[in-house]
Amino acid sequence: VGVGLRDPLAAEEIARRLTLGGWSGGTGQISKIYSIDYDTAMRIVAEIAQVAVESEHRPDIDIRWDRLRITMTTHRPVMIVTDLDFLLAARIDEIAERHGAVTA
């Protein structure tokens, strides 16, 4: 993964990108909650895991009976949001959409 992809983004850039994809957050992390049944969430998570390994970037994942929450940050001495977080967010959105998940 390119080094520049792990550089911190400015708060204004993060805010602009958040308005485009239904994600929320700030300079420390971004997150999104999808409405989806538990069994489908498990299939989505399996695909996210493959993408996470490929991109060398791992999201935090919380599965509930009717919700799937994804949280991402780039771990440094402090948590920051980077291009890599948004690239993975876009891939996760594609996976979730293919399985019928909608933003909660």
Protein backbone atom coordinates (compact mmCIF):
# COMPACT_ATOMS: atom_id res chain seq x y z
CA VAL A 1 0.00 0.00 0.00
CA GLY A 2 1.37 3.38 -0.99
CA VAL A 3 2.77 5.52 1.80
CA GLY A 4 0.80 8.59 0.66
CA LEU A 5 -2.44 6.67 1.21
CA ARG A 6 -1.68 6.66 4.95
CA ASP A 7 -1.14 10.42 5.27
CA PRO A 8 -3.72 12.20 7.46
CA LEU A 9 -6.50 14.01 5.65
CA ALA A 10 -7.56 17.53 6.63
CA ALA A 11 -10.84 17.86 8.54
CA GLU A 12 -12.41 19.74 5.62
CA GLU A 13 -11.52 16.98 3.15
CA ILE A 14 -12.90 14.32 5.49
CA ALA A 15 -16.16 16.27 5.92
CA ARG A 16 -16.50 16.64 2.13
CA ARG A 17 -15.98 12.92 1.51
CA LEU A 18 -18.33 11.90 4.30
CA THR A 19 -21.22 13.74 2.64
CA LEU A 20 -20.73 11.65 -0.52
CA GLY A 21 -21.04 8.15 0.91
CA GLY A 22 -23.29 8.10 3.94
CA TRP A 23 -20.38 7.57 6.31
CA SER A 24 -19.98 9.62 9.48
CA GLY A 25 -17.06 10.54 11.68
CA GLY A 26 -14.19 12.97 11.84
CA THR A 27 -10.43 13.15 11.87
CA GLY A 28 -10.05 10.08 14.16
CA GLN A 29 -12.33 7.53 12.48
CA ILE A 30 -15.20 7.02 10.08
CA SER A 31 -18.10 4.62 10.44
CA LYS A 32 -21.27 3.44 8.79
CA ILE A 33 -24.18 1.31 9.96
CA TYR A 34 -25.97 -0.93 7.49
CA SER A 35 -29.40 -2.41 8.01
CA ILE A 36 -29.13 -6.11 7.16
CA ASP A 37 -30.07 -9.45 8.66
CA TYR A 38 -27.49 -11.36 10.69
CA ASP A 39 -26.87 -14.20 8.22
CA THR A 40 -26.30 -11.83 5.31
CA ALA A 41 -24.05 -9.66 7.50
CA MET A 42 -21.85 -12.69 8.08
CA ARG A 43 -21.47 -13.20 4.32
CA ILE A 44 -20.66 -9.51 3.87
CA VAL A 45 -18.02 -9.68 6.61
CA ALA A 46 -16.35 -12.67 4.91
CA GLU A 47 -15.96 -10.60 1.72
CA ILE A 48 -14.78 -7.54 3.67
CA ALA A 49 -12.12 -9.72 5.30
CA GLN A 50 -10.71 -10.66 1.88
CA VAL A 51 -10.59 -7.02 0.79
CA ALA A 52 -9.01 -6.01 4.12
CA VAL A 53 -6.21 -8.52 3.67
CA GLU A 54 -5.62 -7.38 0.07
CA SER A 55 -5.47 -3.71 1.10
CA GLU A 56 -3.47 -4.38 4.29
CA HIS A 57 -6.04 -2.33 6.20
CA ARG A 58 -8.48 -3.79 8.72
CA PRO A 59 -11.78 -2.24 9.78
CA ASP A 60 -13.47 -2.79 13.13
CA ILE A 61 -16.70 -4.75 12.62
CA ASP A 62 -19.71 -5.06 14.91
CA ILE A 63 -22.53 -7.44 13.95
CA ARG A 64 -25.95 -7.32 15.59
CA TRP A 65 -29.09 -9.23 14.70
CA ASP A 66 -30.27 -6.53 12.23
CA ARG A 67 -27.27 -4.21 11.88
CA LEU A 68 -23.70 -4.23 10.67
CA ARG A 69 -21.41 -1.42 11.80
CA ILE A 70 -18.05 -0.77 10.18
CA THR A 71 -15.53 1.60 11.73
CA MET A 72 -12.21 2.53 10.15
CA THR A 73 -9.15 4.43 11.19
CA THR A 74 -5.48 4.36 10.36
CA HIS A 75 -3.59 3.45 13.50
CA ARG A 76 -0.54 5.55 14.15
CA PRO A 77 0.54 6.95 17.46
CA VAL A 78 -2.96 8.47 17.27
CA MET A 79 -5.97 7.40 15.19
CA ILE A 80 -6.24 9.34 11.92
CA VAL A 81 -8.38 9.16 8.79
CA THR A 82 -6.56 8.70 5.49
CA ASP A 83 -7.22 8.03 1.82
CA LEU A 84 -6.85 4.33 2.60
CA ASP A 85 -9.87 4.50 4.93
CA PHE A 86 -12.01 6.01 2.19
CA LEU A 87 -10.77 3.56 -0.45
CA LEU A 88 -11.72 0.65 1.77
CA ALA A 89 -15.04 2.34 2.63
CA ALA A 90 -15.93 2.47 -1.08
CA ARG A 91 -15.14 -1.23 -1.50
CA ILE A 92 -17.19 -2.10 1.57
CA ASP A 93 -20.12 -0.09 0.20
CA GLU A 94 -19.93 -2.10 -3.04
CA ILE A 95 -19.94 -5.39 -1.14
CA ALA A 96 -22.79 -4.35 1.15
CA GLU A 97 -24.89 -3.06 -1.76
CA ARG A 98 -24.45 -6.32 -3.67
CA HIS A 99 -25.94 -8.13 -0.67
CA GLY A 100 -28.87 -5.73 -0.32
CA ALA A 101 -27.64 -3.82 2.73
CA VAL A 102 -28.86 -0.25 3.11
CA THR A 103 -27.60 2.58 5.28
CA ALA A 104 -29.37 2.46 8.64
